[in-house]
Amino acid sequence: MLPELDNFHDLLKKLDYDIERLSKTSHIYELLDCFLTLNALPEWIVNSSIEDTALTDIARQKINVMKGIKFNFDENLLHEDFDQKLRLIRLVCNHAKHKTDSVHIPKIGREIDCSFPMMFPAKFGFVISIGKQKVDAEYLIFEVTKFWKSCINLE
């Protein structure tokens, strides 16, 4: 049976699929797939026909956070501020979509390193640098995924 993408629950299944591929390959394409899916998720929730106004309100609020005001992204707060993680995802997706070279968008690179916080068992090789910060990409994706699943009452 072929998977369907009719609603945000289906999009969450796609996200699980994307995360599984990322954990197997540690490839930048799979990382971008995860980011693109996480970026789309709140808009899919807002545009769905669900009657859960609390979930819709959270999604609307997080869309506003992700869009930010005049690129108010601070990579130095990335480890401690969940909203900065959401803004990073949005910036990566828009940067990938439009390929803009802006001083407001931090340079994102791939590192061969290990950083904190990290997933255990520790594995070297999938750390991304955002400006001067190093971040375990899988950890970031797992944190944001866990947030959305808890809002949707799946965890």
C-alpha atoms as a PDB file:
ATOM      1  CA  MET A   1       0.000   0.000   0.000  1.00  0.00           C
ATOM      2  CA  LEU A   2       1.312   3.420  -0.934  1.00  0.00           C
ATOM      3  CA  PRO A   3       1.451   6.069   1.780  1.00  0.00           C
ATOM      4  CA  GLU A   4      -0.861   9.059   1.543  1.00  0.00           C
ATOM      5  CA  LEU A   5      -0.333  12.689   2.456  1.00  0.00           C
ATOM      6  CA  ASP A   6      -3.812  13.943   3.239  1.00  0.00           C
ATOM      7  CA  ASN A   7      -3.369  15.546   6.648  1.00  0.00           C
ATOM      8  CA  PHE A   8      -0.837  16.477   9.309  1.00  0.00           C
ATOM      9  CA  HIS A   9      -0.977  12.966  10.803  1.00  0.00           C
ATOM     10  CA  ASP A  10       0.234  11.621   7.452  1.00  0.00           C
ATOM     11  CA  LEU A  11       2.931  14.300   7.422  1.00  0.00           C
ATOM     12  CA  LEU A  12       4.084  13.086  10.844  1.00  0.00           C
ATOM     13  CA  LYS A  13       4.403   9.572   9.403  1.00  0.00           C
ATOM     14  CA  LYS A  14       6.536  11.043   6.621  1.00  0.00           C
ATOM     15  CA  LEU A  15       8.654  12.756   9.280  1.00  0.00           C
ATOM     16  CA  ASP A  16       9.209   9.433  11.053  1.00  0.00           C
ATOM     17  CA  TYR A  17      10.269   7.958   7.703  1.00  0.00           C
ATOM     18  CA  ASP A  18      12.620  10.912   7.082  1.00  0.00           C
ATOM     19  CA  ILE A  19      14.163  10.555  10.555  1.00  0.00           C
ATOM     20  CA  GLU A  20      14.718   6.833  10.061  1.00  0.00           C
ATOM     21  CA  ARG A  21      16.529   7.482   6.772  1.00  0.00           C
ATOM     22  CA  LEU A  22      18.620  10.226   8.395  1.00  0.00           C
ATOM     23  CA  SER A  23      19.662   7.961  11.263  1.00  0.00           C
ATOM     24  CA  LYS A  24      20.798   5.308   8.759  1.00  0.00           C
ATOM     25  CA  THR A  25      22.654   7.542   6.311  1.00  0.00           C
ATOM     26  CA  SER A  26      23.628  10.741   8.171  1.00  0.00           C
ATOM     27  CA  HIS A  27      23.287  12.383   4.766  1.00  0.00           C
ATOM     28  CA  ILE A  28      22.645  16.094   4.324  1.00  0.00           C
ATOM     29  CA  TYR A  29      19.739  15.385   1.930  1.00  0.00           C
ATOM     30  CA  GLU A  30      17.880  13.475   4.618  1.00  0.00           C
ATOM     31  CA  LEU A  31      18.577  16.285   7.093  1.00  0.00           C
ATOM     32  CA  LEU A  32      17.016  18.762   4.683  1.00  0.00           C
ATOM     33  CA  ASP A  33      14.012  16.427   4.219  1.00  0.00           C
ATOM     34  CA  CYS A  34      13.482  16.441   8.006  1.00  0.00           C
ATOM     35  CA  PHE A  35      13.787  20.218   8.183  1.00  0.00           C
ATOM     36  CA  LEU A  36      11.373  20.727   5.271  1.00  0.00           C
ATOM     37  CA  THR A  37       8.790  18.429   6.851  1.00  0.00           C
ATOM     38  CA  LEU A  38       9.134  20.091  10.268  1.00  0.00           C
ATOM     39  CA  ASN A  39       8.834  23.500   8.635  1.00  0.00           C
ATOM     40  CA  ALA A  40       5.587  22.511   6.890  1.00  0.00           C
ATOM     41  CA  LEU A  41       3.958  20.759   9.846  1.00  0.00           C
ATOM     42  CA  PRO A  42       2.490  23.779  11.694  1.00  0.00           C
ATOM     43  CA  GLU A  43       0.969  25.132   8.474  1.00  0.00           C
ATOM     44  CA  TRP A  44      -0.593  21.737   7.757  1.00  0.00           C
ATOM     45  CA  ILE A  45      -2.095  21.804  11.251  1.00  0.00           C
ATOM     46  CA  VAL A  46      -3.480  25.348  10.832  1.00  0.00           C
ATOM     47  CA  ASN A  47      -4.930  24.526   7.412  1.00  0.00           C
ATOM     48  CA  SER A  48      -6.528  21.253   8.499  1.00  0.00           C
ATOM     49  CA  SER A  49     -10.181  20.807   9.333  1.00  0.00           C
ATOM     50  CA  ILE A  50      -9.532  19.682  12.923  1.00  0.00           C
ATOM     51  CA  GLU A  51     -11.635  21.136  15.668  1.00  0.00           C
ATOM     52  CA  ASP A  52      -8.840  21.175  18.233  1.00  0.00           C
ATOM     53  CA  THR A  53      -8.498  24.926  18.637  1.00  0.00           C
ATOM     54  CA  ALA A  54      -5.749  24.580  21.250  1.00  0.00           C
ATOM     55  CA  LEU A  55      -3.539  22.701  18.754  1.00  0.00           C
ATOM     56  CA  THR A  56      -4.374  25.168  15.989  1.00  0.00           C
ATOM     57  CA  ASP A  57      -3.526  28.087  18.298  1.00  0.00           C
ATOM     58  CA  ILE A  58      -0.155  26.531  19.192  1.00  0.00           C
ATOM     59  CA  ALA A  59       0.600  25.973  15.512  1.00  0.00           C
ATOM     60  CA  ARG A  60      -0.303  29.591  14.655  1.00  0.00           C
ATOM     61  CA  GLN A  61       1.866  30.863  17.506  1.00  0.00           C
ATOM     62  CA  LYS A  62       4.827  28.740  16.393  1.00  0.00           C
ATOM     63  CA  ILE A  63       4.444  29.864  12.773  1.00  0.00           C
ATOM     64  CA  ASN A  64       4.786  33.455  14.023  1.00  0.00           C
ATOM     65  CA  VAL A  65       7.836  32.444  16.066  1.00  0.00           C
ATOM     66  CA  MET A  66       9.392  30.686  13.081  1.00  0.00           C
ATOM     67  CA  LYS A  67       8.900  33.668  10.804  1.00  0.00           C
ATOM     68  CA  GLY A  68      10.454  35.930  13.408  1.00  0.00           C
ATOM     69  CA  ILE A  69      10.763  39.661  13.149  1.00  0.00           C
ATOM     70  CA  LYS A  70      13.538  40.970  10.918  1.00  0.00           C
ATOM     71  CA  PHE A  71      15.493  37.698  11.144  1.00  0.00           C
ATOM     72  CA  ASN A  72      15.741  37.770  14.951  1.00  0.00           C
ATOM     73  CA  PHE A  73      17.632  34.496  15.021  1.00  0.00           C
ATOM     74  CA  ASP A  74      20.447  34.189  17.546  1.00  0.00           C
ATOM     75  CA  GLU A  75      22.587  31.093  17.128  1.00  0.00           C
ATOM     76  CA  ASN A  76      24.080  31.706  20.591  1.00  0.00           C
ATOM     77  CA  LEU A  77      20.686  30.882  22.148  1.00  0.00           C
ATOM     78  CA  LEU A  78      20.140  27.756  20.047  1.00  0.00           C
ATOM     79  CA  HIS A  79      20.936  25.260  22.808  1.00  0.00           C
ATOM     80  CA  GLU A  80      18.674  26.815  25.443  1.00  0.00           C
ATOM     81  CA  ASP A  81      15.823  28.437  23.505  1.00  0.00           C
ATOM     82  CA  PHE A  82      13.375  26.105  21.747  1.00  0.00           C
ATOM     83  CA  ASP A  83      11.995  28.929  19.592  1.00  0.00           C
ATOM     84  CA  GLN A  84      15.472  29.467  18.127  1.00  0.00           C
ATOM     85  CA  LYS A  85      15.407  25.842  16.924  1.00  0.00           C
ATOM     86  CA  LEU A  86      12.141  26.555  15.120  1.00  0.00           C
ATOM     87  CA  ARG A  87      13.582  29.719  13.579  1.00  0.00           C
ATOM     88  CA  LEU A  88      16.653  27.807  12.419  1.00  0.00           C
ATOM     89  CA  ILE A  89      14.463  25.235  10.668  1.00  0.00           C
ATOM     90  CA  ARG A  90      12.530  27.999   8.922  1.00  0.00           C
ATOM     91  CA  LEU A  91      15.711  29.837   7.911  1.00  0.00           C
ATOM     92  CA  VAL A  92      17.300  26.661   6.517  1.00  0.00           C
ATOM     93  CA  CYS A  93      14.165  25.850   4.507  1.00  0.00           C
ATOM     94  CA  ASN A  94      13.797  29.337   3.077  1.00  0.00           C
ATOM     95  CA  HIS A  95      17.525  29.618   2.426  1.00  0.00           C
ATOM     96  CA  ALA A  96      17.445  26.286   0.575  1.00  0.00           C
ATOM     97  CA  LYS A  97      14.344  27.297  -1.359  1.00  0.00           C
ATOM     98  CA  HIS A  98      15.528  30.754  -2.413  1.00  0.00           C
ATOM     99  CA  LYS A  99      19.329  30.400  -2.023  1.00  0.00           C
ATOM    100  CA  THR A 100      19.712  33.824  -0.524  1.00  0.00           C
ATOM    101  CA  ASP A 101      23.091  35.116   0.588  1.00  0.00           C
ATOM    102  CA  SER A 102      22.172  37.374   3.467  1.00  0.00           C
ATOM    103  CA  VAL A 103      24.216  38.571   6.411  1.00  0.00           C
ATOM    104  CA  HIS A 104      21.129  37.832   8.542  1.00  0.00           C
ATOM    105  CA  ILE A 105      21.233  34.111   7.771  1.00  0.00           C
ATOM    106  CA  PRO A 106      24.024  32.236   9.549  1.00  0.00           C
ATOM    107  CA  LYS A 107      26.314  30.044   7.507  1.00  0.00           C
ATOM    108  CA  ILE A 108      25.411  26.409   8.018  1.00  0.00           C
ATOM    109  CA  GLY A 109      28.098  23.803   7.538  1.00  0.00           C
ATOM    110  CA  ARG A 110      28.772  20.151   8.138  1.00  0.00           C
ATOM    111  CA  GLU A 111      31.334  19.190  10.763  1.00  0.00           C
ATOM    112  CA  ILE A 112      33.133  15.965  11.500  1.00  0.00           C
ATOM    113  CA  ASP A 113      32.853  16.284  15.230  1.00  0.00           C
ATOM    114  CA  CYS A 114      30.754  15.532  18.265  1.00  0.00           C
ATOM    115  CA  SER A 115      28.826  18.159  20.234  1.00  0.00           C
ATOM    116  CA  PHE A 116      26.606  18.594  23.256  1.00  0.00           C
ATOM    117  CA  PRO A 117      23.818  17.899  23.677  1.00  0.00           C
ATOM    118  CA  MET A 118      24.153  14.730  21.692  1.00  0.00           C
ATOM    119  CA  MET A 119      22.233  11.558  21.154  1.00  0.00           C
ATOM    120  CA  PHE A 120      23.498   8.398  22.839  1.00  0.00           C
ATOM    121  CA  PRO A 121      25.101   6.205  21.846  1.00  0.00           C
ATOM    122  CA  ALA A 122      27.311   9.019  20.631  1.00  0.00           C
ATOM    123  CA  LYS A 123      28.181   8.945  16.998  1.00  0.00           C
ATOM    124  CA  PHE A 124      30.643  11.160  15.276  1.00  0.00           C
ATOM    125  CA  GLY A 125      30.020  12.736  11.951  1.00  0.00           C
ATOM    126  CA  PHE A 126      26.646  14.509  11.952  1.00  0.00           C
ATOM    127  CA  VAL A 127      27.243  17.800  13.607  1.00  0.00           C
ATOM    128  CA  ILE A 128      26.276  20.988  11.843  1.00  0.00           C
ATOM    129  CA  SER A 129      27.762  24.375  12.501  1.00  0.00           C
ATOM    130  CA  ILE A 130      25.426  27.324  12.631  1.00  0.00           C
ATOM    131  CA  GLY A 131      27.533  30.412  12.700  1.00  0.00           C
ATOM    132  CA  LYS A 132      29.963  29.675  15.528  1.00  0.00           C
ATOM    133  CA  GLN A 133      27.757  27.083  17.276  1.00  0.00           C
ATOM    134  CA  LYS A 134      27.992  23.335  16.790  1.00  0.00           C
ATOM    135  CA  VAL A 135      24.767  21.358  17.036  1.00  0.00           C
ATOM    136  CA  ASP A 136      23.940  17.673  16.850  1.00  0.00           C
ATOM    137  CA  ALA A 137      21.474  17.766  13.954  1.00  0.00           C
ATOM    138  CA  GLU A 138      19.600  14.614  14.959  1.00  0.00           C
ATOM    139  CA  TYR A 139      19.150  15.894  18.513  1.00  0.00           C
ATOM    140  CA  LEU A 140      17.654  19.122  17.200  1.00  0.00           C
ATOM    141  CA  ILE A 141      15.245  17.211  14.941  1.00  0.00           C
ATOM    142  CA  PHE A 142      14.243  14.830  17.738  1.00  0.00           C
ATOM    143  CA  GLU A 143      13.521  17.731  20.108  1.00  0.00           C
ATOM    144  CA  VAL A 144      11.271  19.544  17.631  1.00  0.00           C
ATOM    145  CA  THR A 145       9.543  16.308  16.611  1.00  0.00           C
ATOM    146  CA  LYS A 146       8.906  15.436  20.254  1.00  0.00           C
ATOM    147  CA  PHE A 147       7.377  18.873  20.810  1.00  0.00           C
ATOM    148  CA  TRP A 148       4.902  18.491  17.927  1.00  0.00           C
ATOM    149  CA  LYS A 149       3.997  14.937  18.847  1.00  0.00           C
ATOM    150  CA  SER A 150       3.309  15.984  22.436  1.00  0.00           C
ATOM    151  CA  CYS A 151       1.088  18.826  21.188  1.00  0.00           C
ATOM    152  CA  ILE A 152      -0.800  16.353  19.013  1.00  0.00           C
ATOM    153  CA  ASN A 153      -0.915  13.905  21.941  1.00  0.00           C
ATOM    154  CA  LEU A 154       1.066  11.177  20.222  1.00  0.00           C
ATOM    155  CA  GLU A 155       3.744  10.879  22.918  1.00  0.00           C
END
